[in-house]
Amino acid sequence: MNLFFLKDCFSRVCCRKRTLIILGAVFLAGMILGICFVKTPAFYEFHLNQCDRYLTRVCYSERSVFVIFLERTAGCAVLLAVTLICGMHFVGLAVPVAVILYRSYTFGGQIAILFGVYGVSGALVALVLYLPIHLLTDALLLFGAVLSFDRCRRFHFGKHDFCELALDFAALLLLAAAVCLFEMILLLAIFHPLGNVL
């Protein structure tokens, strides 16, 4: 199977290292702000609820890990689609930046909650599952945002540009599915009973 579009996608990301560094700095700033303001009453309950939801619906759920895999992949697909489509016009570039800021802010807050509130079990979930999967997914969203910044300068409503957009989405979605598959394997190996595949 020829996966040339993966190479083309990442070669264009590598050509815009400055944009990637700036967006990476935005992500880092959002994560630090999330950690710093985690105890603010308005945000503490939100982060705590999100952690509870993650633990009950993903880590220690009685649901099939395959269903979780499909849900998580679908969620990634929506985020990637929004991030890439917004690169069709420079006005839409605020959306990928907002997505990165929101995810990094909640990521920082929830990491602080998992380590600070849930103790050893929370630290285990954070280190083994939440942190690596979230960072891999966010890396793909950063790549998508870089591609959107690159595309907005030269996008025309023609067949070539739409095909390029579709191939970028296919490349990132393929990698996102691989990340979600890795998450499913970790869930099955560590958190879920072996009989909970289907």
N, C-alpha and C. Protein backbone atom coordinates (compact mmCIF):
# COMPACT_ATOMS: atom_id res chain seq x y z
N MET A 1 0.84 -1.19 0.00
CA MET A 1 0.00 0.00 0.00
C MET A 1 0.89 1.26 0.00
N ASN A 2 0.64 2.15 -0.96
CA ASN A 2 1.44 3.35 -1.10
C ASN A 2 0.90 4.45 -0.19
N LEU A 3 1.68 4.82 0.80
CA LEU A 3 1.27 5.85 1.73
C LEU A 3 2.07 7.13 1.50
N PHE A 4 2.24 7.49 0.22
CA PHE A 4 3.02 8.67 -0.14
C PHE A 4 2.49 9.93 0.52
N PHE A 5 1.16 9.98 0.74
CA PHE A 5 0.55 11.19 1.28
C PHE A 5 1.01 11.47 2.71
N LEU A 6 1.43 10.42 3.44
CA LEU A 6 1.99 10.62 4.78
C LEU A 6 3.30 11.40 4.70
N LYS A 7 4.15 10.99 3.77
CA LYS A 7 5.44 11.66 3.61
C LYS A 7 5.25 13.10 3.16
N ASP A 8 4.34 13.32 2.22
CA ASP A 8 4.08 14.67 1.72
C ASP A 8 3.53 15.56 2.83
N CYS A 9 2.63 15.02 3.63
CA CYS A 9 2.02 15.76 4.73
C CYS A 9 3.08 16.24 5.71
N PHE A 10 3.95 15.33 6.12
CA PHE A 10 4.94 15.68 7.14
C PHE A 10 6.11 16.48 6.57
N SER A 11 6.37 16.37 5.29
CA SER A 11 7.40 17.22 4.69
C SER A 11 6.96 18.68 4.72
N ARG A 12 5.66 18.93 4.51
CA ARG A 12 5.14 20.29 4.58
C ARG A 12 5.12 20.81 6.01
N VAL A 13 4.88 19.92 6.97
CA VAL A 13 4.96 20.34 8.38
C VAL A 13 6.39 20.73 8.73
N CYS A 14 7.35 19.92 8.28
CA CYS A 14 8.77 20.19 8.58
C CYS A 14 9.26 21.47 7.93
N CYS A 15 8.64 21.86 6.82
CA CYS A 15 9.04 23.10 6.14
C CYS A 15 8.59 24.35 6.89
N ARG A 16 7.69 24.18 7.83
CA ARG A 16 7.18 25.33 8.61
C ARG A 16 7.52 25.14 10.09
N LYS A 17 8.81 24.96 10.36
CA LYS A 17 9.27 24.72 11.73
C LYS A 17 8.94 25.89 12.64
N ARG A 18 9.02 27.12 12.12
CA ARG A 18 8.76 28.29 12.95
C ARG A 18 7.31 28.29 13.44
N THR A 19 6.39 27.98 12.54
CA THR A 19 4.97 27.91 12.94
C THR A 19 4.77 26.81 13.98
N LEU A 20 5.41 25.66 13.76
CA LEU A 20 5.30 24.55 14.71
C LEU A 20 5.83 24.93 16.08
N ILE A 21 6.95 25.64 16.11
CA ILE A 21 7.54 26.07 17.39
C ILE A 21 6.62 27.05 18.11
N ILE A 22 6.05 28.00 17.35
CA ILE A 22 5.15 29.00 17.95
C ILE A 22 3.90 28.32 18.52
N LEU A 23 3.31 27.42 17.74
CA LEU A 23 2.11 26.71 18.22
C LEU A 23 2.45 25.79 19.40
N GLY A 24 3.66 25.21 19.37
CA GLY A 24 4.11 24.40 20.50
C GLY A 24 4.25 25.25 21.76
N ALA A 25 4.73 26.49 21.59
CA ALA A 25 4.85 27.40 22.72
C ALA A 25 3.47 27.79 23.26
N VAL A 26 2.50 27.95 22.36
CA VAL A 26 1.12 28.23 22.77
C VAL A 26 0.58 27.07 23.60
N PHE A 27 0.84 25.84 23.14
CA PHE A 27 0.40 24.66 23.88
C PHE A 27 1.04 24.62 25.26
N LEU A 28 2.35 24.86 25.32
CA LEU A 28 3.06 24.83 26.60
C LEU A 28 2.53 25.90 27.55
N ALA A 29 2.27 27.10 27.02
CA ALA A 29 1.73 28.18 27.85
C ALA A 29 0.35 27.81 28.39
N GLY A 30 -0.49 27.22 27.54
CA GLY A 30 -1.82 26.80 27.99
C GLY A 30 -1.74 25.75 29.07
N MET A 31 -0.82 24.80 28.93
CA MET A 31 -0.66 23.74 29.92
C MET A 31 -0.20 24.31 31.26
N ILE A 32 0.76 25.25 31.23
CA ILE A 32 1.25 25.87 32.46
C ILE A 32 0.13 26.67 33.15
N LEU A 33 -0.65 27.40 32.35
CA LEU A 33 -1.78 28.15 32.91
C LEU A 33 -2.81 27.21 33.54
N GLY A 34 -3.04 26.07 32.89
CA GLY A 34 -3.97 25.08 33.43
C GLY A 34 -3.53 24.55 34.78
N ILE A 35 -2.22 24.32 34.92
CA ILE A 35 -1.67 23.84 36.19
C ILE A 35 -1.74 24.93 37.25
N CYS A 36 -1.40 26.16 36.85
CA CYS A 36 -1.36 27.27 37.82
C CYS A 36 -2.74 27.65 38.35
N PHE A 37 -3.76 27.58 37.50
CA PHE A 37 -5.09 28.03 37.89
C PHE A 37 -6.04 26.88 38.21
N VAL A 38 -5.48 25.69 38.44
CA VAL A 38 -6.33 24.52 38.67
C VAL A 38 -7.18 24.68 39.93
N LYS A 39 -6.70 25.41 40.93
CA LYS A 39 -7.44 25.53 42.19
C LYS A 39 -8.43 26.69 42.20
N THR A 40 -8.50 27.41 41.09
CA THR A 40 -9.51 28.47 40.98
C THR A 40 -10.89 27.83 41.04
N PRO A 41 -11.78 28.30 41.93
CA PRO A 41 -13.09 27.63 42.09
C PRO A 41 -13.85 27.40 40.79
N ALA A 42 -13.79 28.37 39.89
CA ALA A 42 -14.55 28.24 38.64
C ALA A 42 -14.05 27.09 37.78
N PHE A 43 -12.75 26.77 37.88
CA PHE A 43 -12.17 25.74 37.01
C PHE A 43 -11.94 24.41 37.73
N TYR A 44 -11.81 24.46 39.06
CA TYR A 44 -11.50 23.23 39.80
C TYR A 44 -12.57 22.17 39.60
N GLU A 45 -13.83 22.56 39.75
CA GLU A 45 -14.93 21.60 39.58
C GLU A 45 -14.97 21.06 38.16
N PHE A 46 -14.69 21.92 37.18
CA PHE A 46 -14.68 21.49 35.78
C PHE A 46 -13.62 20.42 35.57
N HIS A 47 -12.39 20.69 36.02
CA HIS A 47 -11.30 19.73 35.86
C HIS A 47 -11.58 18.43 36.61
N LEU A 48 -12.12 18.56 37.82
CA LEU A 48 -12.43 17.37 38.63
C LEU A 48 -13.49 16.51 37.94
N ASN A 49 -14.52 17.15 37.39
CA ASN A 49 -15.57 16.42 36.67
C ASN A 49 -15.02 15.73 35.43
N GLN A 50 -14.13 16.42 34.72
CA GLN A 50 -13.53 15.83 33.53
C GLN A 50 -12.67 14.61 33.88
N CYS A 51 -11.94 14.70 34.98
CA CYS A 51 -11.12 13.56 35.42
C CYS A 51 -12.01 12.39 35.84
N ASP A 52 -13.07 12.68 36.58
CA ASP A 52 -14.02 11.63 36.98
C ASP A 52 -14.61 10.95 35.76
N ARG A 53 -14.98 11.75 34.78
CA ARG A 53 -15.57 11.22 33.54
C ARG A 53 -14.57 10.33 32.80
N TYR A 54 -13.32 10.79 32.75
CA TYR A 54 -12.28 10.01 32.06
C TYR A 54 -12.05 8.67 32.77
N LEU A 55 -11.98 8.71 34.09
CA LEU A 55 -11.73 7.49 34.85
C LEU A 55 -12.88 6.50 34.75
N THR A 56 -14.12 7.01 34.81
CA THR A 56 -15.27 6.12 34.81
C THR A 56 -15.68 5.66 33.41
N ARG A 57 -15.48 6.50 32.40
CA ARG A 57 -15.92 6.17 31.04
C ARG A 57 -14.83 5.52 30.18
N VAL A 58 -13.57 5.71 30.58
CA VAL A 58 -12.47 5.17 29.78
C VAL A 58 -11.65 4.13 30.56
N CYS A 59 -11.06 4.57 31.66
CA CYS A 59 -10.12 3.68 32.37
C CYS A 59 -10.80 2.49 33.05
N TYR A 60 -11.81 2.77 33.83
CA TYR A 60 -12.43 1.71 34.63
C TYR A 60 -13.87 1.44 34.20
N SER A 61 -14.14 1.64 32.93
CA SER A 61 -15.48 1.42 32.39
C SER A 61 -15.72 -0.07 32.16
N GLU A 62 -17.00 -0.45 32.25
CA GLU A 62 -17.39 -1.81 31.92
C GLU A 62 -17.68 -1.97 30.42
N ARG A 63 -17.58 -0.86 29.70
CA ARG A 63 -17.87 -0.91 28.26
C ARG A 63 -16.74 -1.59 27.50
N SER A 64 -17.04 -2.01 26.30
CA SER A 64 -16.05 -2.64 25.43
C SER A 64 -14.95 -1.67 25.08
N VAL A 65 -13.70 -2.14 25.11
CA VAL A 65 -12.58 -1.29 24.72
C VAL A 65 -12.66 -0.95 23.23
N PHE A 66 -13.29 -1.79 22.44
CA PHE A 66 -13.43 -1.50 21.02
C PHE A 66 -14.39 -0.32 20.80
N VAL A 67 -15.46 -0.28 21.59
CA VAL A 67 -16.39 0.86 21.52
C VAL A 67 -15.67 2.14 21.94
N ILE A 68 -14.85 2.06 22.98
CA ILE A 68 -14.07 3.21 23.43
C ILE A 68 -13.12 3.65 22.32
N PHE A 69 -12.48 2.69 21.67
CA PHE A 69 -11.59 2.99 20.54
C PHE A 69 -12.33 3.75 19.44
N LEU A 70 -13.51 3.28 19.09
CA LEU A 70 -14.29 3.94 18.04
C LEU A 70 -14.69 5.36 18.45
N GLU A 71 -15.12 5.52 19.70
CA GLU A 71 -15.51 6.84 20.19
C GLU A 71 -14.33 7.81 20.19
N ARG A 72 -13.20 7.34 20.65
CA ARG A 72 -12.02 8.21 20.74
C ARG A 72 -11.51 8.57 19.34
N THR A 73 -11.55 7.61 18.42
CA THR A 73 -11.12 7.88 17.05
C THR A 73 -12.06 8.88 16.39
N ALA A 74 -13.36 8.72 16.62
CA ALA A 74 -14.34 9.66 16.06
C ALA A 74 -14.12 11.07 16.61
N GLY A 75 -13.83 11.17 17.90
CA GLY A 75 -13.55 12.47 18.51
C GLY A 75 -12.33 13.13 17.89
N CYS A 76 -11.28 12.34 17.67
CA CYS A 76 -10.07 12.86 17.01
C CYS A 76 -10.37 13.30 15.59
N ALA A 77 -11.21 12.52 14.90
CA ALA A 77 -11.56 12.85 13.51
C ALA A 77 -12.26 14.21 13.43
N VAL A 78 -13.16 14.48 14.37
CA VAL A 78 -13.88 15.76 14.38
C VAL A 78 -12.90 16.91 14.61
N LEU A 79 -12.01 16.77 15.60
CA LEU A 79 -11.05 17.83 15.90
C LEU A 79 -10.11 18.08 14.73
N LEU A 80 -9.64 17.00 14.10
CA LEU A 80 -8.74 17.14 12.95
C LEU A 80 -9.45 17.79 11.77
N ALA A 81 -10.70 17.40 11.54
CA ALA A 81 -11.47 17.97 10.43
C ALA A 81 -11.66 19.48 10.63
N VAL A 82 -12.04 19.88 11.84
CA VAL A 82 -12.24 21.30 12.13
C VAL A 82 -10.93 22.07 11.97
N THR A 83 -9.85 21.51 12.50
CA THR A 83 -8.55 22.16 12.42
C THR A 83 -8.10 22.36 10.98
N LEU A 84 -8.29 21.35 10.15
CA LEU A 84 -7.85 21.44 8.76
C LEU A 84 -8.77 22.30 7.90
N ILE A 85 -10.07 22.18 8.10
CA ILE A 85 -11.02 22.96 7.29
C ILE A 85 -10.86 24.45 7.55
N CYS A 86 -10.53 24.81 8.78
CA CYS A 86 -10.38 26.23 9.11
C CYS A 86 -9.18 26.87 8.42
N GLY A 87 -8.32 26.06 7.83
CA GLY A 87 -7.19 26.60 7.08
C GLY A 87 -7.55 27.04 5.68
N MET A 88 -8.82 26.94 5.32
CA MET A 88 -9.24 27.36 3.99
C MET A 88 -9.27 28.89 3.86
N HIS A 89 -9.32 29.60 4.99
CA HIS A 89 -9.31 31.07 4.98
C HIS A 89 -8.58 31.55 6.23
N PHE A 90 -7.85 32.65 6.10
CA PHE A 90 -7.02 33.11 7.23
C PHE A 90 -7.85 33.48 8.45
N VAL A 91 -9.11 33.89 8.26
CA VAL A 91 -9.98 34.23 9.40
C VAL A 91 -10.22 33.00 10.28
N GLY A 92 -10.28 31.83 9.66
CA GLY A 92 -10.54 30.60 10.40
C GLY A 92 -9.38 30.10 11.22
N LEU A 93 -8.20 30.71 11.06
CA LEU A 93 -7.01 30.23 11.78
C LEU A 93 -7.10 30.42 13.29
N ALA A 94 -8.02 31.28 13.72
CA ALA A 94 -8.21 31.45 15.16
C ALA A 94 -8.75 30.17 15.80
N VAL A 95 -9.47 29.37 15.03
CA VAL A 95 -10.09 28.16 15.58
C VAL A 95 -9.05 27.11 15.98
N PRO A 96 -8.08 26.74 15.11
CA PRO A 96 -7.07 25.78 15.56
C PRO A 96 -6.28 26.25 16.78
N VAL A 97 -5.99 27.57 16.83
CA VAL A 97 -5.27 28.10 18.00
C VAL A 97 -6.13 27.96 19.25
N ALA A 98 -7.44 28.23 19.12
CA ALA A 98 -8.36 28.09 20.26
C ALA A 98 -8.46 26.63 20.71
N VAL A 99 -8.49 25.70 19.75
CA VAL A 99 -8.53 24.27 20.08
C VAL A 99 -7.28 23.86 20.84
N ILE A 100 -6.12 24.31 20.37
CA ILE A 100 -4.85 23.98 21.03
C ILE A 100 -4.82 24.56 22.44
N LEU A 101 -5.24 25.82 22.58
CA LEU A 101 -5.25 26.44 23.91
C LEU A 101 -6.19 25.73 24.87
N TYR A 102 -7.39 25.40 24.39
CA TYR A 102 -8.37 24.72 25.24
C TYR A 102 -7.84 23.35 25.69
N ARG A 103 -7.33 22.59 24.73
CA ARG A 103 -6.84 21.25 25.07
C ARG A 103 -5.63 21.31 26.00
N SER A 104 -4.74 22.26 25.77
CA SER A 104 -3.55 22.36 26.62
C SER A 104 -3.92 22.84 28.02
N TYR A 105 -4.89 23.76 28.11
CA TYR A 105 -5.32 24.26 29.41
C TYR A 105 -5.97 23.15 30.23
N THR A 106 -6.89 22.41 29.60
CA THR A 106 -7.55 21.31 30.32
C THR A 106 -6.56 20.19 30.61
N PHE A 107 -5.60 19.98 29.72
CA PHE A 107 -4.57 18.96 29.95
C PHE A 107 -3.77 19.28 31.20
N GLY A 108 -3.31 20.53 31.32
CA GLY A 108 -2.54 20.92 32.50
C GLY A 108 -3.35 20.78 33.78
N GLY A 109 -4.61 21.24 33.73
CA GLY A 109 -5.46 21.16 34.92
C GLY A 109 -5.74 19.73 35.33
N GLN A 110 -6.00 18.87 34.36
CA GLN A 110 -6.34 17.49 34.69
C GLN A 110 -5.12 16.68 35.13
N ILE A 111 -3.95 17.01 34.61
CA ILE A 111 -2.73 16.37 35.11
C ILE A 111 -2.53 16.73 36.58
N ALA A 112 -2.74 18.01 36.91
CA ALA A 112 -2.61 18.45 38.31
C ALA A 112 -3.61 17.74 39.21
N ILE A 113 -4.84 17.56 38.72
CA ILE A 113 -5.88 16.86 39.50
C ILE A 113 -5.51 15.39 39.69
N LEU A 114 -5.08 14.73 38.62
CA LEU A 114 -4.76 13.31 38.72
C LEU A 114 -3.62 13.06 39.70
N PHE A 115 -2.62 13.92 39.70
CA PHE A 115 -1.51 13.75 40.63
C PHE A 115 -1.85 14.23 42.04
N GLY A 116 -2.58 15.34 42.13
CA GLY A 116 -2.81 15.96 43.42
C GLY A 116 -4.00 15.42 44.20
N VAL A 117 -5.03 14.95 43.50
CA VAL A 117 -6.26 14.51 44.18
C VAL A 117 -6.34 12.99 44.26
N TYR A 118 -5.99 12.31 43.20
CA TYR A 118 -6.18 10.86 43.14
C TYR A 118 -4.98 10.06 43.64
N GLY A 119 -3.91 10.73 44.00
CA GLY A 119 -2.76 10.05 44.59
C GLY A 119 -2.06 9.09 43.65
N VAL A 120 -1.68 7.94 44.19
CA VAL A 120 -0.88 6.97 43.43
C VAL A 120 -1.65 6.42 42.23
N SER A 121 -2.93 6.10 42.43
CA SER A 121 -3.71 5.55 41.32
C SER A 121 -3.86 6.59 40.21
N GLY A 122 -4.06 7.86 40.58
CA GLY A 122 -4.15 8.92 39.58
C GLY A 122 -2.85 9.13 38.85
N ALA A 123 -1.72 9.05 39.58
CA ALA A 123 -0.41 9.20 38.96
C ALA A 123 -0.15 8.06 37.98
N LEU A 124 -0.58 6.85 38.33
CA LEU A 124 -0.42 5.70 37.43
C LEU A 124 -1.20 5.92 36.13
N VAL A 125 -2.46 6.34 36.27
CA VAL A 125 -3.29 6.61 35.09
C VAL A 125 -2.66 7.71 34.25
N ALA A 126 -2.19 8.77 34.91
CA ALA A 126 -1.61 9.91 34.20
C ALA A 126 -0.36 9.51 33.43
N LEU A 127 0.55 8.79 34.08
CA LEU A 127 1.84 8.45 33.46
C LEU A 127 1.71 7.38 32.39
N VAL A 128 0.87 6.38 32.66
CA VAL A 128 0.79 5.23 31.76
C VAL A 128 -0.15 5.48 30.59
N LEU A 129 -1.24 6.20 30.83
CA LEU A 129 -2.28 6.30 29.81
C LEU A 129 -2.58 7.74 29.38
N TYR A 130 -3.01 8.56 30.33
CA TYR A 130 -3.52 9.89 29.96
C TYR A 130 -2.46 10.76 29.30
N LEU A 131 -1.30 10.88 29.92
CA LEU A 131 -0.27 11.79 29.43
C LEU A 131 0.25 11.40 28.04
N PRO A 132 0.70 10.16 27.84
CA PRO A 132 1.22 9.83 26.50
C PRO A 132 0.18 9.91 25.38
N ILE A 133 -1.04 9.44 25.64
CA ILE A 133 -2.08 9.46 24.60
C ILE A 133 -2.48 10.89 24.29
N HIS A 134 -2.64 11.70 25.31
CA HIS A 134 -3.03 13.11 25.10
C HIS A 134 -1.94 13.85 24.32
N LEU A 135 -0.69 13.64 24.69
CA LEU A 135 0.41 14.33 24.00
C LEU A 135 0.54 13.90 22.54
N LEU A 136 0.36 12.62 22.27
CA LEU A 136 0.41 12.15 20.88
C LEU A 136 -0.73 12.74 20.06
N THR A 137 -1.93 12.77 20.65
CA THR A 137 -3.07 13.36 19.95
C THR A 137 -2.86 14.85 19.71
N ASP A 138 -2.34 15.53 20.72
CA ASP A 138 -2.10 16.97 20.58
C ASP A 138 -1.01 17.25 19.55
N ALA A 139 -0.03 16.38 19.45
CA ALA A 139 1.00 16.54 18.42
C ALA A 139 0.37 16.49 17.03
N LEU A 140 -0.58 15.59 16.82
CA LEU A 140 -1.27 15.50 15.53
C LEU A 140 -2.10 16.75 15.27
N LEU A 141 -2.74 17.29 16.32
CA LEU A 141 -3.50 18.53 16.16
C LEU A 141 -2.58 19.71 15.85
N LEU A 142 -1.40 19.72 16.46
CA LEU A 142 -0.41 20.75 16.14
C LEU A 142 0.02 20.66 14.68
N PHE A 143 0.24 19.43 14.21
CA PHE A 143 0.60 19.24 12.80
C PHE A 143 -0.53 19.73 11.89
N GLY A 144 -1.77 19.41 12.27
CA GLY A 144 -2.92 19.87 11.49
C GLY A 144 -3.01 21.39 11.46
N ALA A 145 -2.73 22.03 12.59
CA ALA A 145 -2.76 23.49 12.66
C ALA A 145 -1.66 24.10 11.78
N VAL A 146 -0.49 23.49 11.80
CA VAL A 146 0.62 23.96 10.94
C VAL A 146 0.22 23.86 9.47
N LEU A 147 -0.39 22.75 9.09
CA LEU A 147 -0.84 22.58 7.71
C LEU A 147 -1.90 23.63 7.35
N SER A 148 -2.76 23.98 8.30
CA SER A 148 -3.79 25.00 8.05
C SER A 148 -3.16 26.37 7.84
N PHE A 149 -2.16 26.69 8.66
CA PHE A 149 -1.46 27.96 8.48
C PHE A 149 -0.75 28.01 7.13
N ASP A 150 -0.21 26.88 6.71
CA ASP A 150 0.45 26.80 5.40
C ASP A 150 -0.57 26.93 4.26
N ARG A 151 -1.72 26.31 4.43
CA ARG A 151 -2.73 26.25 3.36
C ARG A 151 -3.43 27.59 3.14
N CYS A 152 -3.64 28.36 4.21
CA CYS A 152 -4.48 29.56 4.10
C CYS A 152 -3.91 30.58 3.13
N ARG A 153 -2.60 30.57 2.92
CA ARG A 153 -1.97 31.56 2.02
C ARG A 153 -2.21 31.26 0.56
N ARG A 154 -2.54 30.01 0.25
CA ARG A 154 -2.58 29.62 -1.17
C ARG A 154 -3.81 28.80 -1.54
N PHE A 155 -4.79 28.73 -0.63
CA PHE A 155 -5.95 27.87 -0.91
C PHE A 155 -6.86 28.49 -1.95
N HIS A 156 -7.25 27.68 -2.92
CA HIS A 156 -8.26 28.05 -3.91
C HIS A 156 -9.30 26.93 -3.95
N PHE A 157 -10.53 27.30 -4.24
CA PHE A 157 -11.60 26.31 -4.24
C PHE A 157 -11.56 25.51 -5.54
N GLY A 158 -10.48 24.70 -5.63
CA GLY A 158 -10.30 23.87 -6.80
C GLY A 158 -10.04 22.43 -6.41
N LYS A 159 -10.03 21.56 -7.40
CA LYS A 159 -9.89 20.13 -7.16
C LYS A 159 -8.57 19.80 -6.47
N HIS A 160 -7.48 20.40 -6.92
CA HIS A 160 -6.16 20.08 -6.35
C HIS A 160 -6.10 20.39 -4.86
N ASP A 161 -6.58 21.59 -4.49
CA ASP A 161 -6.51 21.99 -3.08
C ASP A 161 -7.43 21.15 -2.20
N PHE A 162 -8.60 20.80 -2.70
CA PHE A 162 -9.49 19.93 -1.93
C PHE A 162 -8.92 18.53 -1.78
N CYS A 163 -8.26 18.04 -2.83
CA CYS A 163 -7.62 16.72 -2.74
C CYS A 163 -6.49 16.72 -1.73
N GLU A 164 -5.70 17.80 -1.73
CA GLU A 164 -4.61 17.93 -0.76
C GLU A 164 -5.16 17.96 0.66
N LEU A 165 -6.26 18.71 0.86
CA LEU A 165 -6.91 18.79 2.17
C LEU A 165 -7.40 17.41 2.62
N ALA A 166 -8.01 16.67 1.70
CA ALA A 166 -8.52 15.34 2.02
C ALA A 166 -7.39 14.37 2.36
N LEU A 167 -6.27 14.48 1.63
CA LEU A 167 -5.13 13.60 1.90
C LEU A 167 -4.47 13.93 3.24
N ASP A 168 -4.40 15.22 3.55
CA ASP A 168 -3.87 15.60 4.87
C ASP A 168 -4.75 15.04 5.99
N PHE A 169 -6.05 15.14 5.80
CA PHE A 169 -6.98 14.60 6.81
C PHE A 169 -6.82 13.09 6.93
N ALA A 170 -6.69 12.40 5.79
CA ALA A 170 -6.53 10.94 5.80
C ALA A 170 -5.24 10.55 6.51
N ALA A 171 -4.15 11.29 6.26
CA ALA A 171 -2.86 10.98 6.89
C ALA A 171 -2.93 11.14 8.40
N LEU A 172 -3.47 12.28 8.85
CA LEU A 172 -3.55 12.54 10.29
C LEU A 172 -4.56 11.62 10.97
N LEU A 173 -5.66 11.31 10.28
CA LEU A 173 -6.65 10.41 10.88
C LEU A 173 -6.09 8.99 11.01
N LEU A 174 -5.30 8.57 10.04
CA LEU A 174 -4.67 7.25 10.12
C LEU A 174 -3.76 7.17 11.34
N LEU A 175 -2.99 8.23 11.57
CA LEU A 175 -2.11 8.26 12.74
C LEU A 175 -2.91 8.37 14.04
N ALA A 176 -3.99 9.14 14.00
CA ALA A 176 -4.85 9.25 15.20
C ALA A 176 -5.48 7.91 15.55
N ALA A 177 -5.89 7.16 14.52
CA ALA A 177 -6.44 5.82 14.76
C ALA A 177 -5.39 4.91 15.38
N ALA A 178 -4.13 5.07 14.94
CA ALA A 178 -3.04 4.27 15.51
C ALA A 178 -2.83 4.62 16.99
N VAL A 179 -2.92 5.91 17.30
CA VAL A 179 -2.80 6.35 18.70
C VAL A 179 -3.93 5.77 19.54
N CYS A 180 -5.15 5.82 19.01
CA CYS A 180 -6.31 5.28 19.74
C CYS A 180 -6.23 3.76 19.88
N LEU A 181 -5.65 3.11 18.88
CA LEU A 181 -5.43 1.66 18.97
C LEU A 181 -4.42 1.34 20.07
N PHE A 182 -3.37 2.15 20.14
CA PHE A 182 -2.38 2.00 21.22
C PHE A 182 -3.04 2.19 22.58
N GLU A 183 -3.94 3.20 22.67
CA GLU A 183 -4.68 3.42 23.91
C GLU A 183 -5.54 2.20 24.25
N MET A 184 -6.19 1.63 23.24
CA MET A 184 -7.03 0.45 23.46
C MET A 184 -6.21 -0.71 24.00
N ILE A 185 -5.02 -0.90 23.45
CA ILE A 185 -4.14 -1.98 23.91
C ILE A 185 -3.73 -1.76 25.36
N LEU A 186 -3.40 -0.51 25.70
CA LEU A 186 -3.03 -0.19 27.09
C LEU A 186 -4.21 -0.42 28.03
N LEU A 187 -5.39 -0.01 27.60
CA LEU A 187 -6.58 -0.23 28.42
C LEU A 187 -6.81 -1.71 28.67
N LEU A 188 -6.67 -2.49 27.62
CA LEU A 188 -6.91 -3.92 27.73
C LEU A 188 -5.84 -4.60 28.57
N ALA A 189 -4.61 -4.15 28.45
CA ALA A 189 -3.50 -4.79 29.16
C ALA A 189 -3.44 -4.43 30.64
N ILE A 190 -3.87 -3.20 30.99
CA ILE A 190 -3.66 -2.70 32.35
C ILE A 190 -4.95 -2.48 33.12
N PHE A 191 -5.96 -1.87 32.48
CA PHE A 191 -7.12 -1.38 33.23
C PHE A 191 -8.37 -2.22 33.05
N HIS A 192 -8.54 -2.89 31.90
CA HIS A 192 -9.77 -3.61 31.63
C HIS A 192 -9.54 -5.13 31.72
N PRO A 193 -10.57 -5.87 32.11
CA PRO A 193 -10.45 -7.34 32.09
C PRO A 193 -10.29 -7.83 30.65
N LEU A 194 -9.61 -8.98 30.49
CA LEU A 194 -9.34 -9.51 29.16
C LEU A 194 -10.59 -9.83 28.37
N GLY A 195 -11.68 -10.10 29.05
CA GLY A 195 -12.91 -10.44 28.35
C GLY A 195 -13.69 -9.23 27.87
N ASN A 196 -13.15 -8.04 28.08
CA ASN A 196 -13.90 -6.82 27.79
C ASN A 196 -13.51 -6.22 26.43
N VAL A 197 -13.28 -7.06 25.44
CA VAL A 197 -12.89 -6.56 24.13
C VAL A 197 -14.10 -6.12 23.34
N LEU A 198 -15.16 -6.95 23.33
CA LEU A 198 -16.36 -6.64 22.55
C LEU A 198 -17.55 -6.34 23.46
